[in-house]
PDB file of N, CA and C in Angstrom:
ATOM      1  N   MET A   1      22.859   3.217  -2.782  1.00  0.00           N
ATOM      2  CA  MET A   1      21.525   2.585  -2.627  1.00  0.00           C
ATOM      3  C   MET A   1      20.624   3.024  -3.780  1.00  0.00           C
ATOM      4  N   THR A   2      19.979   2.035  -4.393  1.00  0.00           N
ATOM      5  CA  THR A   2      19.129   2.354  -5.538  1.00  0.00           C
ATOM      6  C   THR A   2      17.691   2.559  -5.102  1.00  0.00           C
ATOM      7  N   GLY A   3      16.864   3.063  -5.983  1.00  0.00           N
ATOM      8  CA  GLY A   3      15.469   3.306  -5.652  1.00  0.00           C
ATOM      9  C   GLY A   3      14.749   2.004  -5.341  1.00  0.00           C
ATOM     10  N   LYS A   4      15.139   0.936  -6.065  1.00  0.00           N
ATOM     11  CA  LYS A   4      14.479  -0.356  -5.827  1.00  0.00           C
ATOM     12  C   LYS A   4      14.737  -0.834  -4.398  1.00  0.00           C
ATOM     13  N   ASP A   5      15.965  -0.719  -3.926  1.00  0.00           N
ATOM     14  CA  ASP A   5      16.297  -1.180  -2.578  1.00  0.00           C
ATOM     15  C   ASP A   5      15.511  -0.407  -1.533  1.00  0.00           C
ATOM     16  N   SER A   6      15.457   0.917  -1.678  1.00  0.00           N
ATOM     17  CA  SER A   6      14.740   1.736  -0.690  1.00  0.00           C
ATOM     18  C   SER A   6      13.247   1.413  -0.738  1.00  0.00           C
ATOM     19  N   ARG A   7      12.737   1.207  -1.948  1.00  0.00           N
ATOM     20  CA  ARG A   7      11.313   0.897  -2.095  1.00  0.00           C
ATOM     21  C   ARG A   7      11.015  -0.455  -1.443  1.00  0.00           C
ATOM     22  N   ARG A   8      11.933  -1.416  -1.627  1.00  0.00           N
ATOM     23  CA  ARG A   8      11.752  -2.734  -1.030  1.00  0.00           C
ATOM     24  C   ARG A   8      11.757  -2.618   0.485  1.00  0.00           C
ATOM     25  N   GLY A   9      12.633  -1.789   1.023  1.00  0.00           N
ATOM     26  CA  GLY A   9      12.710  -1.598   2.470  1.00  0.00           C
ATOM     27  C   GLY A   9      11.425  -1.009   3.002  1.00  0.00           C
ATOM     28  N   VAL A  10      10.880  -0.033   2.262  1.00  0.00           N
ATOM     29  CA  VAL A  10       9.619   0.600   2.683  1.00  0.00           C
ATOM     30  C   VAL A  10       8.498  -0.425   2.659  1.00  0.00           C
ATOM     31  N   ARG A  11       8.490  -1.262   1.625  1.00  0.00           N
ATOM     32  CA  ARG A  11       7.435  -2.272   1.500  1.00  0.00           C
ATOM     33  C   ARG A  11       7.504  -3.248   2.670  1.00  0.00           C
ATOM     34  N   ILE A  12       8.722  -3.671   3.020  1.00  0.00           N
ATOM     35  CA  ILE A  12       8.888  -4.593   4.153  1.00  0.00           C
ATOM     36  C   ILE A  12       8.417  -3.931   5.440  1.00  0.00           C
ATOM     37  N   THR A  13       8.789  -2.666   5.628  1.00  0.00           N
ATOM     38  CA  THR A  13       8.394  -1.942   6.845  1.00  0.00           C
ATOM     39  C   THR A  13       6.879  -1.843   6.936  1.00  0.00           C
ATOM     40  N   VAL A  14       6.237  -1.512   5.821  1.00  0.00           N
ATOM     41  CA  VAL A  14       4.775  -1.387   5.800  1.00  0.00           C
ATOM     42  C   VAL A  14       4.133  -2.733   6.111  1.00  0.00           C
ATOM     43  N   THR A  15       4.678  -3.809   5.521  1.00  0.00           N
ATOM     44  CA  THR A  15       4.127  -5.147   5.752  1.00  0.00           C
ATOM     45  C   THR A  15       4.206  -5.511   7.226  1.00  0.00           C
ATOM     46  N   VAL A  16       5.364  -5.220   7.849  1.00  0.00           N
ATOM     47  CA  VAL A  16       5.539  -5.532   9.269  1.00  0.00           C
ATOM     48  C   VAL A  16       4.550  -4.739  10.110  1.00  0.00           C
ATOM     49  N   LEU A  17       4.394  -3.455   9.793  1.00  0.00           N
ATOM     50  CA  LEU A  17       3.463  -2.618  10.558  1.00  0.00           C
ATOM     51  C   LEU A  17       2.036  -3.136  10.421  1.00  0.00           C
ATOM     52  N   VAL A  18       1.656  -3.566   9.217  1.00  0.00           N
ATOM     53  CA  VAL A  18       0.307  -4.079   8.996  1.00  0.00           C
ATOM     54  C   VAL A  18       0.092  -5.359   9.792  1.00  0.00           C
ATOM     55  N   LEU A  19       1.102  -6.253   9.793  1.00  0.00           N
ATOM     56  CA  LEU A  19       0.978  -7.506  10.540  1.00  0.00           C
ATOM     57  C   LEU A  19       0.822  -7.216  12.025  1.00  0.00           C
ATOM     58  N   ILE A  20       1.596  -6.258  12.540  1.00  0.00           N
ATOM     59  CA  ILE A  20       1.498  -5.899  13.963  1.00  0.00           C
ATOM     60  C   ILE A  20       0.114  -5.339  14.257  1.00  0.00           C
ATOM     61  N   ALA A  21      -0.378  -4.473  13.377  1.00  0.00           N
ATOM     62  CA  ALA A  21      -1.697  -3.871  13.583  1.00  0.00           C
ATOM     63  C   ALA A  21      -2.778  -4.951  13.592  1.00  0.00           C
ATOM     64  N   LEU A  22      -2.677  -5.922  12.675  1.00  0.00           N
ATOM     65  CA  LEU A  22      -3.665  -7.005  12.629  1.00  0.00           C
ATOM     66  C   LEU A  22      -3.579  -7.845  13.897  1.00  0.00           C
ATOM     67  N   ALA A  23      -2.370  -8.095  14.393  1.00  0.00           N
ATOM     68  CA  ALA A  23      -2.193  -8.892  15.613  1.00  0.00           C
ATOM     69  C   ALA A  23      -2.838  -8.182  16.795  1.00  0.00           C
ATOM     70  N   VAL A  24      -2.613  -6.882  16.909  1.00  0.00           N
ATOM     71  CA  VAL A  24      -3.196  -6.110  18.013  1.00  0.00           C
ATOM     72  C   VAL A  24      -4.720  -6.085  17.887  1.00  0.00           C
ATOM     73  N   TYR A  25      -5.200  -5.892  16.669  1.00  0.00           N
ATOM     74  CA  TYR A  25      -6.646  -5.843  16.429  1.00  0.00           C
ATOM     75  C   TYR A  25      -7.279  -7.186  16.806  1.00  0.00           C
ATOM     76  N   ALA A  26      -6.636  -8.282  16.388  1.00  0.00           N
ATOM     77  CA  ALA A  26      -7.139  -9.621  16.714  1.00  0.00           C
ATOM     78  C   ALA A  26      -7.114  -9.825  18.224  1.00  0.00           C
ATOM     79  N   GLY A  27      -6.085  -9.296  18.892  1.00  0.00           N
ATOM     80  CA  GLY A  27      -5.984  -9.426  20.344  1.00  0.00           C
ATOM     81  C   GLY A  27      -7.155  -8.744  21.033  1.00  0.00           C
ATOM     82  N   PHE A  28      -7.511  -7.551  20.559  1.00  0.00           N
ATOM     83  CA  PHE A  28      -8.641  -6.825  21.160  1.00  0.00           C
ATOM     84  C   PHE A  28      -9.942  -7.600  20.943  1.00  0.00           C
ATOM     85  N   ILE A  29     -10.108  -8.163  19.746  1.00  0.00           N
ATOM     86  CA  ILE A  29     -11.324  -8.928  19.443  1.00  0.00           C
ATOM     87  C   ILE A  29     -11.403 -10.151  20.353  1.00  0.00           C
ATOM     88  N   LEU A  30     -10.294 -10.883  20.479  1.00  0.00           N
ATOM     89  CA  LEU A  30     -10.288 -12.081  21.328  1.00  0.00           C
ATOM     90  C   LEU A  30     -10.575 -11.699  22.771  1.00  0.00           C
ATOM     91  N   ARG A  31      -9.969 -10.606  23.210  1.00  0.00           N
ATOM     92  CA  ARG A  31     -10.184 -10.159  24.593  1.00  0.00           C
ATOM     93  C   ARG A  31     -11.664  -9.835  24.808  1.00  0.00           C
ATOM     94  N   GLY A  32     -12.288  -9.165  23.838  1.00  0.00           N
ATOM     95  CA  GLY A  32     -13.695  -8.810  23.963  1.00  0.00           C
ATOM     96  C   GLY A  32     -14.572 -10.051  23.976  1.00  0.00           C
ATOM     97  N   VAL A  33     -14.235 -11.035  23.144  1.00  0.00           N
ATOM     98  CA  VAL A  33     -15.018 -12.273  23.093  1.00  0.00           C
ATOM     99  C   VAL A  33     -14.889 -13.035  24.411  1.00  0.00           C
ATOM    100  N   LEU A  34     -13.664 -13.106  24.947  1.00  0.00           N
ATOM    101  CA  LEU A  34     -13.459 -13.834  26.196  1.00  0.00           C
ATOM    102  C   LEU A  34     -14.156 -13.130  27.355  1.00  0.00           C
ATOM    103  N   ASN A  35     -14.160 -11.798  27.328  1.00  0.00           N
ATOM    104  CA  ASN A  35     -14.790 -11.046  28.422  1.00  0.00           C
ATOM    105  C   ASN A  35     -16.303 -11.096  28.321  1.00  0.00           C
ATOM    106  N   ALA A  36     -16.803 -11.275  27.097  1.00  0.00           N
ATOM    107  CA  ALA A  36     -18.254 -11.269  26.905  1.00  0.00           C
ATOM    108  C   ALA A  36     -18.891 -12.493  27.562  1.00  0.00           C
TER     109      ALA A  36
END
């Protein structure tokens, strides 16, 4: 395994985590708006 492959894997993992975090954050915002 080369450094590029591992770096690419880390980048993909970070991207997925960020997307999940944004989805959860958006969910909390929507929930707050609906409850308001």
